[in-house]
C-alpha atoms as a PDB file:
ATOM      1  CA  MET A   1      17.447 103.307  26.802  1.00  0.00           C
ATOM      2  CA  LYS A   2      15.012 101.989  29.256  1.00  0.00           C
ATOM      3  CA  TYR A   3      11.654 103.508  28.559  1.00  0.00           C
ATOM      4  CA  ASP A   4       9.138 103.882  31.413  1.00  0.00           C
ATOM      5  CA  LEU A   5       6.315 102.519  29.414  1.00  0.00           C
ATOM      6  CA  LEU A   6       6.107 100.099  26.457  1.00  0.00           C
ATOM      7  CA  VAL A   7       2.777  99.979  24.452  1.00  0.00           C
ATOM      8  CA  VAL A   8       2.092  97.305  21.852  1.00  0.00           C
ATOM      9  CA  GLY A   9      -0.537  98.532  19.678  1.00  0.00           C
ATOM     10  CA  GLY A  10      -1.562 102.070  18.150  1.00  0.00           C
ATOM     11  CA  GLY A  11      -5.312 101.924  18.331  1.00  0.00           C
ATOM     12  CA  PRO A  12      -7.564 104.056  20.637  1.00  0.00           C
ATOM     13  CA  ALA A  13      -6.560 102.068  23.618  1.00  0.00           C
ATOM     14  CA  GLY A  14      -2.733 102.166  23.136  1.00  0.00           C
ATOM     15  CA  LEU A  15      -2.430 105.713  21.911  1.00  0.00           C
ATOM     16  CA  THR A  16      -4.489 106.878  24.907  1.00  0.00           C
ATOM     17  CA  ALA A  17      -2.104 105.121  27.298  1.00  0.00           C
ATOM     18  CA  ALA A  18       0.815 106.884  25.423  1.00  0.00           C
ATOM     19  CA  ILE A  19      -0.869 110.104  25.835  1.00  0.00           C
ATOM     20  CA  GLN A  20      -1.480 109.629  29.740  1.00  0.00           C
ATOM     21  CA  ALA A  21       2.346 108.617  30.127  1.00  0.00           C
ATOM     22  CA  ARG A  22       3.376 111.544  28.343  1.00  0.00           C
ATOM     23  CA  ALA A  23       1.063 113.886  30.420  1.00  0.00           C
ATOM     24  CA  ARG A  24       2.906 112.558  33.308  1.00  0.00           C
ATOM     25  CA  ASP A  25       6.372 113.144  31.682  1.00  0.00           C
ATOM     26  CA  LYS A  26       7.155 109.611  31.427  1.00  0.00           C
ATOM     27  CA  SER A  27       9.194 108.103  28.461  1.00  0.00           C
ATOM     28  CA  VAL A  28       6.975 105.842  26.162  1.00  0.00           C
ATOM     29  CA  LEU A  29       7.342 103.783  23.113  1.00  0.00           C
ATOM     30  CA  VAL A  30       4.313 102.601  21.085  1.00  0.00           C
ATOM     31  CA  VAL A  31       5.033  99.774  18.638  1.00  0.00           C
ATOM     32  CA  SER A  32       2.335  99.034  15.943  1.00  0.00           C
ATOM     33  CA  ASN A  33       1.485  98.276  12.560  1.00  0.00           C
ATOM     34  CA  GLN A  34       0.711 101.433  10.560  1.00  0.00           C
ATOM     35  CA  PRO A  35      -1.929 102.814  12.820  1.00  0.00           C
ATOM     36  CA  THR A  36      -4.137 104.290  10.098  1.00  0.00           C
ATOM     37  CA  ALA A  37      -4.204 100.640   8.761  1.00  0.00           C
ATOM     38  CA  SER A  38      -6.601  99.716  11.473  1.00  0.00           C
ATOM     39  CA  PRO A  39      -9.932  98.437  10.632  1.00  0.00           C
ATOM     40  CA  LEU A  40     -11.448 101.278  12.642  1.00  0.00           C
ATOM     41  CA  CYS A  41     -10.042 103.702  10.037  1.00  0.00           C
ATOM     42  CA  LYS A  42     -12.631 102.237   7.472  1.00  0.00           C
ATOM     43  CA  ALA A  43     -15.590 103.469   9.549  1.00  0.00           C
ATOM     44  CA  PRO A  44     -16.808 106.499   7.611  1.00  0.00           C
ATOM     45  CA  ARG A  45     -18.784 108.106  10.569  1.00  0.00           C
ATOM     46  CA  MET A  46     -19.120 107.304  14.133  1.00  0.00           C
ATOM     47  CA  ASP A  47     -21.655 109.075  16.415  1.00  0.00           C
ATOM     48  CA  ASN A  48     -21.192 107.385  19.796  1.00  0.00           C
ATOM     49  CA  TYR A  49     -17.729 108.562  20.853  1.00  0.00           C
ATOM     50  CA  PRO A  50     -18.308 111.085  23.724  1.00  0.00           C
ATOM     51  CA  GLY A  51     -17.608 114.688  23.034  1.00  0.00           C
ATOM     52  CA  ILE A  52     -16.634 114.026  19.206  1.00  0.00           C
ATOM     53  CA  PRO A  53     -19.841 113.189  17.225  1.00  0.00           C
ATOM     54  CA  HIS A  54     -19.938 112.621  13.520  1.00  0.00           C
ATOM     55  CA  VAL A  55     -16.204 111.490  13.244  1.00  0.00           C
ATOM     56  CA  SER A  56     -14.653 109.069  10.832  1.00  0.00           C
ATOM     57  CA  GLY A  57     -12.471 106.410  12.252  1.00  0.00           C
ATOM     58  CA  LEU A  58      -9.682 107.495  10.140  1.00  0.00           C
ATOM     59  CA  GLU A  59      -9.956 111.167  11.692  1.00  0.00           C
ATOM     60  CA  LEU A  60     -10.173 109.840  15.134  1.00  0.00           C
ATOM     61  CA  VAL A  61      -7.059 107.819  14.951  1.00  0.00           C
ATOM     62  CA  GLU A  62      -5.180 110.514  13.109  1.00  0.00           C
ATOM     63  CA  ARG A  63      -6.151 112.976  15.976  1.00  0.00           C
ATOM     64  CA  LEU A  64      -5.009 110.530  18.716  1.00  0.00           C
ATOM     65  CA  LEU A  65      -1.754 109.701  16.713  1.00  0.00           C
ATOM     66  CA  ALA A  66      -0.922 113.518  16.294  1.00  0.00           C
ATOM     67  CA  GLN A  67      -1.634 114.244  20.059  1.00  0.00           C
ATOM     68  CA  ALA A  68       0.667 111.296  21.105  1.00  0.00           C
ATOM     69  CA  LYS A  69       3.419 112.470  18.936  1.00  0.00           C
ATOM     70  CA  GLU A  70       3.014 116.181  19.858  1.00  0.00           C
ATOM     71  CA  LEU A  71       3.373 115.332  23.443  1.00  0.00           C
ATOM     72  CA  GLY A  72       6.614 113.341  22.705  1.00  0.00           C
ATOM     73  CA  ALA A  73       5.496 109.791  22.457  1.00  0.00           C
ATOM     74  CA  GLU A  74       8.086 107.588  20.341  1.00  0.00           C
ATOM     75  CA  ILE A  75       5.854 105.811  17.574  1.00  0.00           C
ATOM     76  CA  ARG A  76       7.685 102.887  15.963  1.00  0.00           C
ATOM     77  CA  GLN A  77       6.239 100.873  13.211  1.00  0.00           C
ATOM     78  CA  GLY A  78       6.955  97.042  13.450  1.00  0.00           C
ATOM     79  CA  ARG A  79       6.009  93.777  15.177  1.00  0.00           C
ATOM     80  CA  VAL A  80       6.650  92.783  18.680  1.00  0.00           C
ATOM     81  CA  LEU A  81       7.541  89.163  18.493  1.00  0.00           C
ATOM     82  CA  ASN A  82       8.130  88.318  22.135  1.00  0.00           C
ATOM     83  CA  LEU A  83       7.365  89.997  25.549  1.00  0.00           C
ATOM     84  CA  MET A  84       8.838  88.683  28.881  1.00  0.00           C
ATOM     85  CA  SER A  85       8.607  90.177  32.330  1.00  0.00           C
ATOM     86  CA  LEU A  86      11.869  89.909  33.955  1.00  0.00           C
ATOM     87  CA  GLY A  87      12.047  91.106  37.731  1.00  0.00           C
ATOM     88  CA  GLU A  88      12.230  94.811  37.582  1.00  0.00           C
ATOM     89  CA  SER A  89      11.617  95.308  33.892  1.00  0.00           C
ATOM     90  CA  VAL A  90       9.903  94.074  30.769  1.00  0.00           C
ATOM     91  CA  MET A  91      12.025  93.003  27.537  1.00  0.00           C
ATOM     92  CA  ALA A  92      10.606  93.087  23.967  1.00  0.00           C
ATOM     93  CA  SER A  93      11.924  91.632  20.789  1.00  0.00           C
ATOM     94  CA  ILE A  94      10.908  93.888  17.985  1.00  0.00           C
ATOM     95  CA  GLY A  95      12.120  92.491  14.785  1.00  0.00           C
ATOM     96  CA  ASP A  96      15.861  92.047  15.256  1.00  0.00           C
ATOM     97  CA  GLN A  97      16.098  94.589  18.087  1.00  0.00           C
ATOM     98  CA  VAL A  98      15.395  94.183  21.916  1.00  0.00           C
ATOM     99  CA  GLU A  99      13.984  97.026  24.092  1.00  0.00           C
ATOM    100  CA  GLU A 100      13.551  97.458  27.732  1.00  0.00           C
ATOM    101  CA  ALA A 101      10.851  99.047  29.689  1.00  0.00           C
ATOM    102  CA  SER A 102       9.515  99.092  33.182  1.00  0.00           C
ATOM    103  CA  THR A 103       6.120  98.015  32.467  1.00  0.00           C
ATOM    104  CA  ALA A 104       4.243  97.236  29.252  1.00  0.00           C
ATOM    105  CA  ILE A 105       0.586  97.387  28.053  1.00  0.00           C
ATOM    106  CA  LEU A 106      -0.904  95.055  25.408  1.00  0.00           C
ATOM    107  CA  ALA A 107      -3.419  96.958  23.392  1.00  0.00           C
ATOM    108  CA  VAL A 108      -3.461  94.509  20.373  1.00  0.00           C
ATOM    109  CA  GLY A 109      -7.055  94.579  19.367  1.00  0.00           C
ATOM    110  CA  VAL A 110      -8.979  91.380  18.596  1.00  0.00           C
ATOM    111  CA  ALA A 111      -6.809  90.163  15.467  1.00  0.00           C
ATOM    112  CA  ARG A 112      -5.804  86.907  17.152  1.00  0.00           C
ATOM    113  CA  ALA A 113      -3.646  84.682  14.944  1.00  0.00           C
ATOM    114  CA  THR A 114      -4.876  80.872  15.417  1.00  0.00           C
ATOM    115  CA  PRO A 115      -1.739  78.812  15.508  1.00  0.00           C
ATOM    116  CA  LEU A 116      -1.091  76.506  12.652  1.00  0.00           C
ATOM    117  CA  LYS A 117      -1.076  72.758  13.166  1.00  0.00           C
ATOM    118  CA  GLY A 118       2.427  72.139  14.191  1.00  0.00           C
ATOM    119  CA  GLU A 119       3.419  75.564  14.709  1.00  0.00           C
ATOM    120  CA  GLU A 120       3.533  75.821  18.571  1.00  0.00           C
ATOM    121  CA  ARG A 121       5.337  72.455  18.800  1.00  0.00           C
ATOM    122  CA  LEU A 122       8.008  73.318  16.458  1.00  0.00           C
ATOM    123  CA  LEU A 123       8.462  76.907  17.572  1.00  0.00           C
ATOM    124  CA  GLY A 124      12.223  77.394  17.910  1.00  0.00           C
ATOM    125  CA  ARG A 125      12.860  74.177  16.002  1.00  0.00           C
ATOM    126  CA  GLY A 126      12.445  75.357  12.441  1.00  0.00           C
ATOM    127  CA  VAL A 127       9.608  77.918  12.942  1.00  0.00           C
ATOM    128  CA  SER A 128      10.430  81.449  13.261  1.00  0.00           C
ATOM    129  CA  TYR A 129       8.478  84.694  13.259  1.00  0.00           C
ATOM    130  CA  CYS A 130      11.387  87.013  12.207  1.00  0.00           C
ATOM    131  CA  ALA A 131      13.345  86.865   8.960  1.00  0.00           C
ATOM    132  CA  THR A 132      16.160  89.300  10.198  1.00  0.00           C
ATOM    133  CA  CYS A 133      16.605  87.445  13.368  1.00  0.00           C
ATOM    134  CA  ASP A 134      16.763  83.927  12.310  1.00  0.00           C
ATOM    135  CA  GLY A 135      17.391  83.995   8.359  1.00  0.00           C
ATOM    136  CA  MET A 136      21.174  83.478   8.669  1.00  0.00           C
ATOM    137  CA  PHE A 137      20.693  80.093  10.060  1.00  0.00           C
ATOM    138  CA  TYR A 138      19.025  78.950   6.762  1.00  0.00           C
ATOM    139  CA  ARG A 139      21.462  80.168   4.294  1.00  0.00           C
ATOM    140  CA  ASP A 140      21.596  77.834   1.407  1.00  0.00           C
ATOM    141  CA  LYS A 141      18.657  75.913   2.836  1.00  0.00           C
ATOM    142  CA  PRO A 142      15.145  75.358   1.704  1.00  0.00           C
ATOM    143  CA  ILE A 143      12.679  77.478   3.563  1.00  0.00           C
ATOM    144  CA  VAL A 144       8.895  78.392   3.313  1.00  0.00           C
ATOM    145  CA  VAL A 145       7.569  81.784   3.924  1.00  0.00           C
ATOM    146  CA  ALA A 146       3.922  82.491   4.707  1.00  0.00           C
ATOM    147  CA  GLY A 147       1.940  85.413   6.232  1.00  0.00           C
ATOM    148  CA  ASN A 148       0.183  88.825   5.895  1.00  0.00           C
ATOM    149  CA  ALA A 149       2.502  91.019   7.378  1.00  0.00           C
ATOM    150  CA  PRO A 150       2.864  94.573   5.961  1.00  0.00           C
ATOM    151  CA  ASP A 151       6.698  93.891   5.484  1.00  0.00           C
ATOM    152  CA  LEU A 152       5.972  90.402   3.951  1.00  0.00           C
ATOM    153  CA  GLU A 153       7.688  91.272   0.576  1.00  0.00           C
ATOM    154  CA  GLU A 154      10.439  93.165   2.108  1.00  0.00           C
ATOM    155  CA  GLU A 155      11.162  90.170   4.619  1.00  0.00           C
ATOM    156  CA  THR A 156      11.091  87.364   1.898  1.00  0.00           C
ATOM    157  CA  GLU A 157      13.258  89.481  -0.391  1.00  0.00           C
ATOM    158  CA  TYR A 158      15.843  89.770   2.583  1.00  0.00           C
ATOM    159  CA  LEU A 159      15.662  86.005   2.882  1.00  0.00           C
ATOM    160  CA  ARG A 160      16.481  85.601  -0.627  1.00  0.00           C
ATOM    161  CA  SER A 161      19.301  88.160  -0.580  1.00  0.00           C
ATOM    162  CA  ILE A 162      21.106  86.206   2.050  1.00  0.00           C
ATOM    163  CA  GLY A 163      20.979  83.010   0.246  1.00  0.00           C
ATOM    164  CA  CYS A 164      17.749  81.225   1.451  1.00  0.00           C
ATOM    165  CA  ARG A 165      15.952  78.896  -1.029  1.00  0.00           C
ATOM    166  CA  VAL A 166      12.503  80.399  -0.562  1.00  0.00           C
ATOM    167  CA  THR A 167       9.018  79.208  -1.468  1.00  0.00           C
ATOM    168  CA  SER A 168       6.183  81.402  -0.794  1.00  0.00           C
ATOM    169  CA  VAL A 169       2.703  79.858   0.181  1.00  0.00           C
ATOM    170  CA  ARG A 170      -0.430  80.957   1.395  1.00  0.00           C
ATOM    171  CA  LEU A 171      -1.176  80.979   5.078  1.00  0.00           C
ATOM    172  CA  PRO A 172      -4.565  79.455   5.509  1.00  0.00           C
ATOM    173  CA  GLY A 173      -4.793  75.816   5.933  1.00  0.00           C
ATOM    174  CA  LEU A 174      -1.058  75.407   6.034  1.00  0.00           C
ATOM    175  CA  GLU A 175       0.212  72.421   8.288  1.00  0.00           C
ATOM    176  CA  ILE A 176       3.842  72.334   9.503  1.00  0.00           C
ATOM    177  CA  LEU A 177       5.614  68.847   9.376  1.00  0.00           C
ATOM    178  CA  GLY A 178       8.082  67.290  11.626  1.00  0.00           C
ATOM    179  CA  GLU A 179       8.716  65.648  14.844  1.00  0.00           C
ATOM    180  CA  GLU A 180      11.667  67.026  16.482  1.00  0.00           C
ATOM    181  CA  GLN A 181      12.472  69.521  13.714  1.00  0.00           C
ATOM    182  CA  VAL A 182      10.634  71.104  10.695  1.00  0.00           C
ATOM    183  CA  THR A 183      10.854  68.628   7.631  1.00  0.00           C
ATOM    184  CA  GLY A 184       8.212  70.296   5.494  1.00  0.00           C
ATOM    185  CA  VAL A 185       4.697  71.921   5.152  1.00  0.00           C
ATOM    186  CA  ARG A 186       1.390  70.739   3.656  1.00  0.00           C
ATOM    187  CA  THR A 187      -0.626  73.245   1.896  1.00  0.00           C
ATOM    188  CA  ALA A 188      -4.516  73.550   2.056  1.00  0.00           C
ATOM    189  CA  ALA A 189      -4.322  71.841  -1.381  1.00  0.00           C
ATOM    190  CA  GLY A 190      -2.498  68.784   0.129  1.00  0.00           C
ATOM    191  CA  GLU A 191       0.775  69.557  -1.551  1.00  0.00           C
ATOM    192  CA  GLU A 192       3.849  68.680   0.666  1.00  0.00           C
ATOM    193  CA  ILE A 193       6.802  70.909   0.369  1.00  0.00           C
ATOM    194  CA  PRO A 194      10.040  69.881   1.950  1.00  0.00           C
ATOM    195  CA  CYS A 195      12.034  72.533   3.952  1.00  0.00           C
ATOM    196  CA  GLU A 196      14.075  73.016   6.985  1.00  0.00           C
ATOM    197  CA  GLY A 197      12.445  76.227   8.153  1.00  0.00           C
ATOM    198  CA  VAL A 198       9.076  78.053   8.122  1.00  0.00           C
ATOM    199  CA  PHE A 199       8.934  81.844   8.445  1.00  0.00           C
ATOM    200  CA  LEU A 200       5.480  82.784   9.581  1.00  0.00           C
ATOM    201  CA  LEU A 201       5.280  86.696   9.215  1.00  0.00           C
ATOM    202  CA  ARG A 202       1.816  87.611  10.268  1.00  0.00           C
ATOM    203  CA  ALA A 203       0.677  91.183  10.991  1.00  0.00           C
ATOM    204  CA  SER A 204      -0.229  90.077  14.475  1.00  0.00           C
ATOM    205  CA  ILE A 205       0.633  87.301  17.014  1.00  0.00           C
ATOM    206  CA  ALA A 206      -1.608  85.445  19.416  1.00  0.00           C
ATOM    207  CA  PRO A 207      -1.327  87.219  22.931  1.00  0.00           C
ATOM    208  CA  SER A 208      -0.423  83.652  24.497  1.00  0.00           C
ATOM    209  CA  GLN A 209       2.478  83.329  21.946  1.00  0.00           C
ATOM    210  CA  LEU A 210       3.477  86.980  22.282  1.00  0.00           C
ATOM    211  CA  ALA A 211       3.782  86.711  26.007  1.00  0.00           C
ATOM    212  CA  PRO A 212       4.331  83.150  27.356  1.00  0.00           C
ATOM    213  CA  GLY A 213       2.229  82.342  30.186  1.00  0.00           C
ATOM    214  CA  LEU A 214      -0.370  85.057  29.704  1.00  0.00           C
ATOM    215  CA  GLU A 215      -3.766  83.987  31.045  1.00  0.00           C
ATOM    216  CA  LEU A 216      -6.826  84.100  28.725  1.00  0.00           C
ATOM    217  CA  GLU A 217     -10.514  83.972  29.256  1.00  0.00           C
ATOM    218  CA  ASP A 218     -12.648  83.105  26.426  1.00  0.00           C
ATOM    219  CA  GLY A 219      -9.937  83.718  24.089  1.00  0.00           C
ATOM    220  CA  TYR A 220      -9.398  87.492  25.626  1.00  0.00           C
ATOM    221  CA  ILE A 221      -6.760  88.732  27.774  1.00  0.00           C
ATOM    222  CA  LYS A 222      -7.805  88.270  31.396  1.00  0.00           C
ATOM    223  CA  VAL A 223      -7.179  91.501  33.486  1.00  0.00           C
ATOM    224  CA  ASP A 224      -8.415  92.861  36.898  1.00  0.00           C
ATOM    225  CA  ALA A 225      -9.793  96.149  38.011  1.00  0.00           C
ATOM    226  CA  ARG A 226      -6.086  97.779  37.278  1.00  0.00           C
ATOM    227  CA  MET A 227      -5.956  96.309  33.869  1.00  0.00           C
ATOM    228  CA  ALA A 228      -3.092  94.210  35.114  1.00  0.00           C
ATOM    229  CA  THR A 229      -2.584  90.613  33.519  1.00  0.00           C
ATOM    230  CA  ASN A 230      -1.172  87.430  35.617  1.00  0.00           C
ATOM    231  CA  LEU A 231       2.256  88.382  34.483  1.00  0.00           C
ATOM    232  CA  PRO A 232       4.264  90.920  36.417  1.00  0.00           C
ATOM    233  CA  ARG A 233       4.437  94.405  34.970  1.00  0.00           C
ATOM    234  CA  ILE A 234       2.255  93.477  31.802  1.00  0.00           C
ATOM    235  CA  TYR A 235      -0.982  95.196  31.342  1.00  0.00           C
ATOM    236  CA  ALA A 236      -3.646  95.103  28.760  1.00  0.00           C
ATOM    237  CA  ALA A 237      -6.425  97.484  27.485  1.00  0.00           C
ATOM    238  CA  GLY A 238      -8.963  97.676  24.620  1.00  0.00           C
ATOM    239  CA  ASP A 239     -10.493  95.114  22.602  1.00  0.00           C
ATOM    240  CA  CYS A 240      -8.191  92.482  23.459  1.00  0.00           C
ATOM    241  CA  THR A 241      -9.586  92.348  26.999  1.00  0.00           C
ATOM    242  CA  GLY A 242     -13.076  91.449  25.774  1.00  0.00           C
ATOM    243  CA  GLN A 243     -16.723  92.868  25.312  1.00  0.00           C
ATOM    244  CA  PRO A 244     -17.845  95.338  24.686  1.00  0.00           C
ATOM    245  CA  LEU A 245     -15.780  96.170  21.903  1.00  0.00           C
ATOM    246  CA  GLN A 246     -16.392 100.104  22.089  1.00  0.00           C
ATOM    247  CA  LEU A 247     -14.100 102.990  21.378  1.00  0.00           C
ATOM    248  CA  ALA A 248     -14.952 104.713  24.703  1.00  0.00           C
ATOM    249  CA  LYS A 249     -14.198 101.508  26.714  1.00  0.00           C
ATOM    250  CA  ALA A 250     -10.887 100.933  24.961  1.00  0.00           C
ATOM    251  CA  ALA A 251      -9.694 104.719  25.609  1.00  0.00           C
ATOM    252  CA  GLY A 252     -10.847 104.366  29.400  1.00  0.00           C
ATOM    253  CA  GLN A 253      -9.010 101.092  29.819  1.00  0.00           C
ATOM    254  CA  GLY A 254      -5.820 102.780  28.090  1.00  0.00           C
ATOM    255  CA  GLN A 255      -5.915 105.522  30.584  1.00  0.00           C
ATOM    256  CA  THR A 256      -6.551 103.067  33.725  1.00  0.00           C
ATOM    257  CA  ALA A 257      -3.669 100.862  32.287  1.00  0.00           C
ATOM    258  CA  ALA A 258      -1.045 103.582  31.889  1.00  0.00           C
ATOM    259  CA  HIS A 259      -2.080 105.156  35.349  1.00  0.00           C
ATOM    260  CA  PHE A 260      -1.416 101.699  37.266  1.00  0.00           C
ATOM    261  CA  ALA A 261       1.431 100.560  35.079  1.00  0.00           C
ATOM    262  CA  LEU A 262       3.358 103.871  35.697  1.00  0.00           C
ATOM    263  CA  LEU A 263       2.926 103.549  39.455  1.00  0.00           C
ATOM    264  CA  GLU A 264       4.913 100.362  39.131  1.00  0.00           C
ATOM    265  CA  ARG A 265       8.113 102.375  37.989  1.00  0.00           C
END
């Protein structure tokens, strides 16, 4: 199935975009971590969202989520590992699945994963972001797993179940070793662990890694007035586009991004 719109992120910007798409009777897939796990949901009370004063962050997100579902948006829990603009469509790797959409909106918030030393250089040469995608290449081989993804334990157990020799380490301060291929890691404590593969299972991936060639400005995704990025058919909305980091701005940008993204269909 080819969706009219793919939305990456289930916060106010992403859910507003999904609501806008369904209001125009367009098919939309929203992919995110559990939406109610957002830091916004920890806010006990917010008084600055227009028309809905004295609302908790959790209540607001639950209302947006319920509205999007009621209108028919497809909500999928998972991690988008790669997003590419290809002519008349956008292709997204979601775990071990691939989905196609006419356009996509990045609404990934401000959680930006800083690349580890050696990560970008060895990506595809021993560094992987998906256990179910690449695990079979490392059967009977030593690998290292690190991360903070909600499915970290499940993915780690999967790697063990197919015969990978897994060592789990902490993500902070980790360095990936090797020249042409991964040969090991060095932990923050200075311990070197030989391995042939490193699985980095983060809850979020930096926008520049998620969509190769994506233009950033001061660490945020650069967009124009239509919320379009420099990549064809890929838009962005919400906190990932920069200051001010406010709910009303996120919702407005989500609506704007969906409006112009759907015109490209």
